[in-house]
């Protein structure tokens, strides 16, 4: 299974992004170390992993500690070595929030979730992307992981850094 991973770090209000290699990652602590190495002085580092345009993993590291993880579908853990390393120990997410009445979440909410999200969907809540929005974006028909990352980047404010890093 192929993947694309990008780390995004914020230091003093400025965002930077860089593609990262996760081939040597054996567990979440290895992934956290990749994040620390990418942005050693960041007060906040995010990692987005798009696997085969099907599965999204989001990891958050605050001040080099307090690692939190969200996966769009638990199935990713059974589909690849990297998926198992990143999501293997996570519990299913409570998807009751998907029908939130927050009109600003996204324009068209899905009526049902065709996946089993795991981890902490609200890990970006304080950055303007509540868990219900992240769940809804992941479930929206036709939305690929890269589209979800782009929407998150717009909401959080790191679109330019992401585009510079990915050439998109």
C-alpha atoms as a PDB file:
ATOM      1  CA  UNK A   1       0.000   0.000   0.000  1.00  0.00           C
ATOM      2  CA  UNK A   2       1.444   3.369  -0.969  1.00  0.00           C
ATOM      3  CA  UNK A   3       1.207   6.489   1.162  1.00  0.00           C
ATOM      4  CA  UNK A   4       1.949  10.192   1.114  1.00  0.00           C
ATOM      5  CA  UNK A   5       2.877  11.910   4.381  1.00  0.00           C
ATOM      6  CA  UNK A   6       3.313  15.576   5.154  1.00  0.00           C
ATOM      7  CA  UNK A   7       4.215  17.163   8.480  1.00  0.00           C
ATOM      8  CA  UNK A   8       3.098  20.689   9.279  1.00  0.00           C
ATOM      9  CA  UNK A   9       4.707  22.638  12.100  1.00  0.00           C
ATOM     10  CA  UNK A  10       3.796  25.929  13.755  1.00  0.00           C
ATOM     11  CA  UNK A  11       6.408  28.014  15.491  1.00  0.00           C
ATOM     12  CA  UNK A  12       5.542  31.474  16.760  1.00  0.00           C
ATOM     13  CA  UNK A  13       2.405  31.654  14.635  1.00  0.00           C
ATOM     14  CA  UNK A  14       4.189  30.741  11.392  1.00  0.00           C
ATOM     15  CA  UNK A  15       3.429  27.468   9.601  1.00  0.00           C
ATOM     16  CA  UNK A  16       5.888  25.327   7.661  1.00  0.00           C
ATOM     17  CA  UNK A  17       5.287  21.996   5.944  1.00  0.00           C
ATOM     18  CA  UNK A  18       7.488  19.197   4.639  1.00  0.00           C
ATOM     19  CA  UNK A  19       6.991  15.798   3.082  1.00  0.00           C
ATOM     20  CA  UNK A  20       8.241  13.072   5.423  1.00  0.00           C
ATOM     21  CA  UNK A  21       9.290   9.458   5.021  1.00  0.00           C
ATOM     22  CA  UNK A  22       7.561   6.938   7.289  1.00  0.00           C
ATOM     23  CA  UNK A  23       9.124   3.758   5.877  1.00  0.00           C
ATOM     24  CA  UNK A  24      11.078   3.081   9.090  1.00  0.00           C
ATOM     25  CA  UNK A  25       8.127   3.795  11.419  1.00  0.00           C
ATOM     26  CA  UNK A  26       7.262   0.770  13.563  1.00  0.00           C
ATOM     27  CA  UNK A  27       4.876   2.440  16.035  1.00  0.00           C
ATOM     28  CA  UNK A  28       3.344   5.783  17.017  1.00  0.00           C
ATOM     29  CA  UNK A  29       6.441   6.783  18.975  1.00  0.00           C
ATOM     30  CA  UNK A  30       8.533   6.433  15.816  1.00  0.00           C
ATOM     31  CA  UNK A  31       6.000   8.631  13.993  1.00  0.00           C
ATOM     32  CA  UNK A  32       6.224  11.201  16.803  1.00  0.00           C
ATOM     33  CA  UNK A  33      10.004  11.198  16.445  1.00  0.00           C
ATOM     34  CA  UNK A  34       9.671  11.885  12.689  1.00  0.00           C
ATOM     35  CA  UNK A  35       7.427  14.826  13.592  1.00  0.00           C
ATOM     36  CA  UNK A  36       9.925  16.134  16.165  1.00  0.00           C
ATOM     37  CA  UNK A  37      12.789  15.852  13.668  1.00  0.00           C
ATOM     38  CA  UNK A  38      10.826  17.664  10.957  1.00  0.00           C
ATOM     39  CA  UNK A  39      10.078  20.645  13.221  1.00  0.00           C
ATOM     40  CA  UNK A  40      12.205  20.472  16.391  1.00  0.00           C
ATOM     41  CA  UNK A  41      11.209  23.929  17.687  1.00  0.00           C
ATOM     42  CA  UNK A  42       7.501  23.797  16.820  1.00  0.00           C
ATOM     43  CA  UNK A  43       4.887  24.430  19.473  1.00  0.00           C
ATOM     44  CA  UNK A  44       2.460  22.346  17.391  1.00  0.00           C
ATOM     45  CA  UNK A  45       3.183  19.696  14.769  1.00  0.00           C
ATOM     46  CA  UNK A  46       0.602  17.875  12.659  1.00  0.00           C
ATOM     47  CA  UNK A  47       1.169  14.815  10.512  1.00  0.00           C
ATOM     48  CA  UNK A  48      -1.189  13.844   7.695  1.00  0.00           C
ATOM     49  CA  UNK A  49      -0.888  10.407   6.076  1.00  0.00           C
ATOM     50  CA  UNK A  50      -2.869   9.642   2.919  1.00  0.00           C
ATOM     51  CA  UNK A  51      -2.790   5.919   2.147  1.00  0.00           C
ATOM     52  CA  UNK A  52      -3.831   4.895  -1.355  1.00  0.00           C
ATOM     53  CA  UNK A  53      -6.242   7.847  -1.640  1.00  0.00           C
ATOM     54  CA  UNK A  54      -8.494   5.867   0.690  1.00  0.00           C
ATOM     55  CA  UNK A  55      -7.397   6.228   4.319  1.00  0.00           C
ATOM     56  CA  UNK A  56      -6.407   9.328   6.268  1.00  0.00           C
ATOM     57  CA  UNK A  57      -4.418   9.432   9.477  1.00  0.00           C
ATOM     58  CA  UNK A  58      -3.931  12.689  11.382  1.00  0.00           C
ATOM     59  CA  UNK A  59      -1.479  12.955  14.254  1.00  0.00           C
ATOM     60  CA  UNK A  60      -0.916  15.933  16.546  1.00  0.00           C
ATOM     61  CA  UNK A  61       2.050  16.670  18.763  1.00  0.00           C
ATOM     62  CA  UNK A  62       1.954  19.649  21.141  1.00  0.00           C
ATOM     63  CA  UNK A  63       5.342  21.031  22.239  1.00  0.00           C
ATOM     64  CA  UNK A  64       7.012  17.742  21.325  1.00  0.00           C
ATOM     65  CA  UNK A  65       4.740  15.773  23.686  1.00  0.00           C
ATOM     66  CA  UNK A  66       1.094  14.799  24.102  1.00  0.00           C
ATOM     67  CA  UNK A  67       0.639  12.751  20.930  1.00  0.00           C
ATOM     68  CA  UNK A  68      -2.939  12.355  19.706  1.00  0.00           C
ATOM     69  CA  UNK A  69      -4.093  10.383  16.659  1.00  0.00           C
ATOM     70  CA  UNK A  70      -7.172  10.067  14.445  1.00  0.00           C
ATOM     71  CA  UNK A  71      -7.738   7.536  11.670  1.00  0.00           C
ATOM     72  CA  UNK A  72     -10.557   7.782   9.142  1.00  0.00           C
ATOM     73  CA  UNK A  73     -11.056   4.006   9.127  1.00  0.00           C
ATOM     74  CA  UNK A  74      -9.864   1.207  11.395  1.00  0.00           C
ATOM     75  CA  UNK A  75      -9.571  -0.994   8.298  1.00  0.00           C
ATOM     76  CA  UNK A  76      -6.300   0.789   7.432  1.00  0.00           C
ATOM     77  CA  UNK A  77      -4.659  -0.944  10.425  1.00  0.00           C
ATOM     78  CA  UNK A  78      -5.410  -4.336   8.880  1.00  0.00           C
ATOM     79  CA  UNK A  79      -4.430  -3.307   5.352  1.00  0.00           C
ATOM     80  CA  UNK A  80      -0.799  -2.276   5.850  1.00  0.00           C
ATOM     81  CA  UNK A  81       2.200  -2.371   8.149  1.00  0.00           C
ATOM     82  CA  UNK A  82       2.154   1.435   8.457  1.00  0.00           C
ATOM     83  CA  UNK A  83      -1.574   1.425   9.197  1.00  0.00           C
ATOM     84  CA  UNK A  84      -1.024  -1.083  11.988  1.00  0.00           C
ATOM     85  CA  UNK A  85       1.846   1.020  13.377  1.00  0.00           C
ATOM     86  CA  UNK A  86      -0.213   4.225  13.415  1.00  0.00           C
ATOM     87  CA  UNK A  87      -3.703   2.963  14.279  1.00  0.00           C
ATOM     88  CA  UNK A  88      -3.348  -0.545  15.711  1.00  0.00           C
ATOM     89  CA  UNK A  89      -3.899   0.445  19.354  1.00  0.00           C
ATOM     90  CA  UNK A  90      -6.746   2.940  18.849  1.00  0.00           C
ATOM     91  CA  UNK A  91     -10.372   2.527  19.860  1.00  0.00           C
ATOM     92  CA  UNK A  92     -13.286   3.281  17.510  1.00  0.00           C
ATOM     93  CA  UNK A  93     -14.450   6.913  17.528  1.00  0.00           C
ATOM     94  CA  UNK A  94     -17.976   7.771  18.694  1.00  0.00           C
ATOM     95  CA  UNK A  95     -19.631   8.773  15.410  1.00  0.00           C
ATOM     96  CA  UNK A  96     -22.828  10.121  16.980  1.00  0.00           C
ATOM     97  CA  UNK A  97     -21.505  13.647  16.397  1.00  0.00           C
ATOM     98  CA  UNK A  98     -21.638  13.235  12.628  1.00  0.00           C
ATOM     99  CA  UNK A  99     -25.182  14.622  12.480  1.00  0.00           C
ATOM    100  CA  UNK A 100     -24.217  17.874  14.185  1.00  0.00           C
ATOM    101  CA  UNK A 101     -26.440  20.818  13.299  1.00  0.00           C
ATOM    102  CA  UNK A 102     -23.438  23.109  12.878  1.00  0.00           C
ATOM    103  CA  UNK A 103     -24.172  24.547   9.412  1.00  0.00           C
ATOM    104  CA  UNK A 104     -20.618  25.829   9.053  1.00  0.00           C
ATOM    105  CA  UNK A 105     -19.100  22.354   9.416  1.00  0.00           C
ATOM    106  CA  UNK A 106     -19.426  21.481   5.732  1.00  0.00           C
ATOM    107  CA  UNK A 107     -21.943  22.235   3.007  1.00  0.00           C
ATOM    108  CA  UNK A 108     -23.305  18.721   2.549  1.00  0.00           C
ATOM    109  CA  UNK A 109     -23.188  16.309   5.443  1.00  0.00           C
ATOM    110  CA  UNK A 110     -23.309  12.573   4.744  1.00  0.00           C
ATOM    111  CA  UNK A 111     -26.270  10.659   6.070  1.00  0.00           C
ATOM    112  CA  UNK A 112     -24.197   7.706   7.206  1.00  0.00           C
ATOM    113  CA  UNK A 113     -20.597   6.862   7.795  1.00  0.00           C
ATOM    114  CA  UNK A 114     -19.237   3.985   5.693  1.00  0.00           C
ATOM    115  CA  UNK A 115     -16.124   3.511   7.827  1.00  0.00           C
ATOM    116  CA  UNK A 116     -15.020   2.926  11.382  1.00  0.00           C
ATOM    117  CA  UNK A 117     -13.071   6.007  12.501  1.00  0.00           C
ATOM    118  CA  UNK A 118     -10.607   5.471  15.340  1.00  0.00           C
ATOM    119  CA  UNK A 119      -8.813   7.685  17.806  1.00  0.00           C
ATOM    120  CA  UNK A 120      -9.615  11.278  18.659  1.00  0.00           C
ATOM    121  CA  UNK A 121     -11.652  13.057  15.964  1.00  0.00           C
ATOM    122  CA  UNK A 122     -11.597  16.296  17.984  1.00  0.00           C
ATOM    123  CA  UNK A 123      -7.787  16.599  17.959  1.00  0.00           C
ATOM    124  CA  UNK A 124      -8.057  19.725  15.770  1.00  0.00           C
ATOM    125  CA  UNK A 125     -11.050  21.227  17.575  1.00  0.00           C
ATOM    126  CA  UNK A 126      -9.120  24.104  19.148  1.00  0.00           C
ATOM    127  CA  UNK A 127      -7.738  24.954  15.684  1.00  0.00           C
ATOM    128  CA  UNK A 128     -11.200  25.438  14.172  1.00  0.00           C
ATOM    129  CA  UNK A 129     -11.928  21.908  12.945  1.00  0.00           C
ATOM    130  CA  UNK A 130     -14.287  20.217  15.423  1.00  0.00           C
ATOM    131  CA  UNK A 131     -14.498  16.437  15.507  1.00  0.00           C
ATOM    132  CA  UNK A 132     -17.919  16.475  13.857  1.00  0.00           C
ATOM    133  CA  UNK A 133     -16.466  18.414  10.922  1.00  0.00           C
ATOM    134  CA  UNK A 134     -13.477  16.089  10.531  1.00  0.00           C
ATOM    135  CA  UNK A 135     -15.767  13.045  10.642  1.00  0.00           C
ATOM    136  CA  UNK A 136     -18.135  14.603   8.130  1.00  0.00           C
ATOM    137  CA  UNK A 137     -15.305  15.533   5.759  1.00  0.00           C
ATOM    138  CA  UNK A 138     -13.931  11.984   5.904  1.00  0.00           C
ATOM    139  CA  UNK A 139     -17.390  10.554   5.188  1.00  0.00           C
ATOM    140  CA  UNK A 140     -18.417  12.979   2.434  1.00  0.00           C
ATOM    141  CA  UNK A 141     -19.058  11.237  -0.888  1.00  0.00           C
ATOM    142  CA  UNK A 142     -16.193  11.771  -3.342  1.00  0.00           C
ATOM    143  CA  UNK A 143     -13.889  13.330  -0.740  1.00  0.00           C
ATOM    144  CA  UNK A 144     -10.374  11.905  -0.889  1.00  0.00           C
ATOM    145  CA  UNK A 145      -7.878  12.167   1.991  1.00  0.00           C
ATOM    146  CA  UNK A 146      -5.967  14.889   0.139  1.00  0.00           C
ATOM    147  CA  UNK A 147      -9.212  16.886  -0.149  1.00  0.00           C
ATOM    148  CA  UNK A 148      -9.779  16.549   3.593  1.00  0.00           C
ATOM    149  CA  UNK A 149      -6.230  17.772   4.276  1.00  0.00           C
ATOM    150  CA  UNK A 150      -6.824  20.760   1.965  1.00  0.00           C
ATOM    151  CA  UNK A 151     -10.039  21.651   3.799  1.00  0.00           C
ATOM    152  CA  UNK A 152      -8.292  21.354   7.165  1.00  0.00           C
ATOM    153  CA  UNK A 153      -5.435  23.534   5.862  1.00  0.00           C
ATOM    154  CA  UNK A 154      -7.928  26.241   4.827  1.00  0.00           C
ATOM    155  CA  UNK A 155      -9.644  26.184   8.211  1.00  0.00           C
ATOM    156  CA  UNK A 156      -6.435  26.159  10.258  1.00  0.00           C
ATOM    157  CA  UNK A 157      -4.454  28.536   8.040  1.00  0.00           C
ATOM    158  CA  UNK A 158      -1.549  26.556   6.622  1.00  0.00           C
ATOM    159  CA  UNK A 159      -2.653  26.265   2.985  1.00  0.00           C
ATOM    160  CA  UNK A 160       0.325  28.213   1.625  1.00  0.00           C
ATOM    161  CA  UNK A 161       2.862  26.130   3.576  1.00  0.00           C
ATOM    162  CA  UNK A 162       1.157  22.915   2.448  1.00  0.00           C
ATOM    163  CA  UNK A 163       1.176  24.009  -1.199  1.00  0.00           C
ATOM    164  CA  UNK A 164       4.852  24.997  -0.975  1.00  0.00           C
ATOM    165  CA  UNK A 165       5.752  21.579   0.446  1.00  0.00           C
ATOM    166  CA  UNK A 166       3.668  19.489  -1.912  1.00  0.00           C
ATOM    167  CA  UNK A 167       3.955  21.549  -5.074  1.00  0.00           C
ATOM    168  CA  UNK A 168       0.164  21.571  -5.386  1.00  0.00           C
END
